[in-house]
Amino acid sequence: MASNLLWKPDQDQIDHRNLTAFAEQHGFTPDDFPALHEWSINSQESFWSSVWSFCDIVGDP
């Protein structure tokens, strides 16, 4: 079965999404999602603490 791309965000949408801001805040580029994903797996405590801070979640992670 062939996989056809149905939609792709334009550069302005990529530049202004929350995931891009989060990635850049932690030294990742928007096009390096695999590295961000690897960090989320290999450094779970740091990653989730960063997510809580970025999202302004109040509580204990």
N, C-alpha and C. Protein backbone atom coordinates (compact mmCIF):
# COMPACT_ATOMS: atom_id res chain seq x y z
N MET A 1 0.84 -1.18 0.00
CA MET A 1 0.00 0.00 0.00
C MET A 1 0.89 1.24 0.00
N ALA A 2 0.67 2.11 -0.92
CA ALA A 2 1.45 3.35 -1.03
C ALA A 2 0.96 4.35 0.01
N SER A 3 1.89 5.12 0.53
CA SER A 3 1.55 6.14 1.51
C SER A 3 1.68 7.51 0.85
N ASN A 4 0.56 8.18 0.70
CA ASN A 4 0.55 9.52 0.10
C ASN A 4 0.38 10.56 1.19
N LEU A 5 1.21 11.59 1.14
CA LEU A 5 1.12 12.68 2.08
C LEU A 5 -0.15 13.48 1.79
N LEU A 6 -1.02 13.60 2.79
CA LEU A 6 -2.28 14.30 2.60
C LEU A 6 -2.20 15.78 2.95
N TRP A 7 -1.31 16.12 3.89
CA TRP A 7 -1.21 17.51 4.32
C TRP A 7 0.14 17.74 4.97
N LYS A 8 0.69 18.91 4.79
CA LYS A 8 1.94 19.30 5.43
C LYS A 8 1.81 20.77 5.81
N PRO A 9 2.15 21.12 7.06
CA PRO A 9 2.03 22.52 7.46
C PRO A 9 3.02 23.38 6.69
N ASP A 10 2.63 24.63 6.44
CA ASP A 10 3.57 25.54 5.78
C ASP A 10 4.58 26.03 6.82
N GLN A 11 5.62 26.70 6.36
CA GLN A 11 6.71 27.11 7.25
C GLN A 11 6.24 28.04 8.35
N ASP A 12 5.29 28.92 8.07
CA ASP A 12 4.78 29.82 9.09
C ASP A 12 4.09 29.04 10.21
N GLN A 13 3.33 28.01 9.85
CA GLN A 13 2.67 27.18 10.86
C GLN A 13 3.71 26.44 11.70
N ILE A 14 4.75 25.95 11.06
CA ILE A 14 5.82 25.25 11.78
C ILE A 14 6.52 26.20 12.75
N ASP A 15 6.81 27.41 12.26
CA ASP A 15 7.54 28.39 13.07
C ASP A 15 6.76 28.83 14.30
N HIS A 16 5.43 28.77 14.26
CA HIS A 16 4.61 29.30 15.35
C HIS A 16 3.89 28.22 16.16
N ARG A 17 4.28 26.98 16.04
CA ARG A 17 3.62 25.94 16.83
C ARG A 17 4.33 25.78 18.17
N ASN A 18 3.60 25.31 19.15
CA ASN A 18 4.16 25.14 20.49
C ASN A 18 5.29 24.13 20.50
N LEU A 19 5.20 23.08 19.71
CA LEU A 19 6.26 22.08 19.68
C LEU A 19 7.57 22.69 19.21
N THR A 20 7.51 23.61 18.25
CA THR A 20 8.72 24.28 17.78
C THR A 20 9.33 25.12 18.90
N ALA A 21 8.51 25.87 19.61
CA ALA A 21 9.01 26.70 20.71
C ALA A 21 9.64 25.83 21.79
N PHE A 22 9.00 24.73 22.13
CA PHE A 22 9.54 23.82 23.14
C PHE A 22 10.87 23.23 22.68
N ALA A 23 10.91 22.76 21.45
CA ALA A 23 12.14 22.16 20.91
C ALA A 23 13.29 23.17 20.93
N GLU A 24 13.04 24.36 20.44
CA GLU A 24 14.09 25.38 20.39
C GLU A 24 14.55 25.80 21.78
N GLN A 25 13.64 25.83 22.73
CA GLN A 25 13.98 26.18 24.11
C GLN A 25 14.98 25.18 24.70
N HIS A 26 14.98 23.97 24.16
CA HIS A 26 15.85 22.92 24.68
C HIS A 26 16.95 22.52 23.71
N GLY A 27 17.22 23.39 22.74
CA GLY A 27 18.36 23.20 21.86
C GLY A 27 18.14 22.33 20.65
N PHE A 28 16.89 22.04 20.33
CA PHE A 28 16.58 21.22 19.16
C PHE A 28 16.03 22.11 18.05
N THR A 29 16.23 21.70 16.82
CA THR A 29 15.67 22.42 15.69
C THR A 29 14.32 21.80 15.34
N PRO A 30 13.43 22.57 14.73
CA PRO A 30 12.10 22.04 14.39
C PRO A 30 12.15 20.82 13.47
N ASP A 31 13.19 20.71 12.66
CA ASP A 31 13.26 19.57 11.73
C ASP A 31 14.00 18.38 12.31
N ASP A 32 14.37 18.44 13.60
CA ASP A 32 15.09 17.34 14.23
C ASP A 32 14.22 16.65 15.28
N PHE A 33 13.00 16.30 14.88
CA PHE A 33 12.09 15.63 15.80
C PHE A 33 12.66 14.32 16.34
N PRO A 34 13.40 13.53 15.53
CA PRO A 34 13.97 12.29 16.08
C PRO A 34 14.88 12.53 17.30
N ALA A 35 15.65 13.60 17.30
CA ALA A 35 16.52 13.89 18.45
C ALA A 35 15.69 14.28 19.67
N LEU A 36 14.64 15.06 19.47
CA LEU A 36 13.74 15.43 20.57
C LEU A 36 13.06 14.18 21.12
N HIS A 37 12.63 13.31 20.25
CA HIS A 37 12.00 12.05 20.67
C HIS A 37 12.99 11.20 21.46
N GLU A 38 14.22 11.12 20.99
CA GLU A 38 15.25 10.34 21.69
C GLU A 38 15.49 10.90 23.10
N TRP A 39 15.56 12.23 23.21
CA TRP A 39 15.71 12.86 24.52
C TRP A 39 14.54 12.49 25.44
N SER A 40 13.33 12.48 24.89
CA SER A 40 12.15 12.17 25.70
C SER A 40 12.19 10.74 26.24
N ILE A 41 12.88 9.87 25.54
CA ILE A 41 13.00 8.47 25.97
C ILE A 41 14.18 8.28 26.91
N ASN A 42 15.32 8.85 26.55
CA ASN A 42 16.55 8.62 27.31
C ASN A 42 16.68 9.47 28.56
N SER A 43 15.97 10.57 28.63
CA SER A 43 16.04 11.46 29.80
C SER A 43 14.62 11.82 30.24
N GLN A 44 13.87 10.79 30.60
CA GLN A 44 12.45 10.99 30.88
C GLN A 44 12.18 11.99 31.99
N GLU A 45 12.95 11.94 33.06
CA GLU A 45 12.69 12.86 34.17
C GLU A 45 12.92 14.31 33.74
N SER A 46 14.02 14.55 33.05
CA SER A 46 14.32 15.90 32.56
C SER A 46 13.29 16.36 31.53
N PHE A 47 12.94 15.46 30.62
CA PHE A 47 11.97 15.79 29.58
C PHE A 47 10.62 16.18 30.18
N TRP A 48 10.09 15.32 31.06
CA TRP A 48 8.75 15.60 31.59
C TRP A 48 8.74 16.80 32.53
N SER A 49 9.82 17.01 33.24
CA SER A 49 9.92 18.22 34.06
C SER A 49 9.88 19.46 33.16
N SER A 50 10.55 19.38 32.02
CA SER A 50 10.55 20.49 31.06
C SER A 50 9.18 20.70 30.45
N VAL A 51 8.47 19.63 30.16
CA VAL A 51 7.11 19.74 29.62
C VAL A 51 6.20 20.43 30.64
N TRP A 52 6.28 20.01 31.90
CA TRP A 52 5.46 20.63 32.94
C TRP A 52 5.76 22.12 33.04
N SER A 53 7.04 22.48 33.02
CA SER A 53 7.42 23.90 33.11
C SER A 53 6.93 24.67 31.90
N PHE A 54 7.11 24.12 30.71
CA PHE A 54 6.71 24.78 29.47
C PHE A 54 5.20 25.02 29.44
N CYS A 55 4.45 24.07 29.95
CA CYS A 55 2.98 24.15 29.93
C CYS A 55 2.41 24.84 31.17
N ASP A 56 3.29 25.31 32.04
CA ASP A 56 2.86 25.96 33.29
C ASP A 56 1.95 25.08 34.13
N ILE A 57 2.28 23.79 34.20
CA ILE A 57 1.51 22.86 35.02
C ILE A 57 1.98 23.00 36.46
N VAL A 58 1.05 23.17 37.37
CA VAL A 58 1.36 23.32 38.79
C VAL A 58 1.18 21.97 39.46
N GLY A 59 2.18 21.54 40.20
CA GLY A 59 2.11 20.27 40.91
C GLY A 59 3.47 19.63 40.95
N ASP A 60 3.50 18.39 41.34
CA ASP A 60 4.74 17.63 41.40
C ASP A 60 4.73 16.59 40.29
N PRO A 61 5.71 16.71 39.37
CA PRO A 61 5.74 15.73 38.26
C PRO A 61 6.11 14.34 38.75
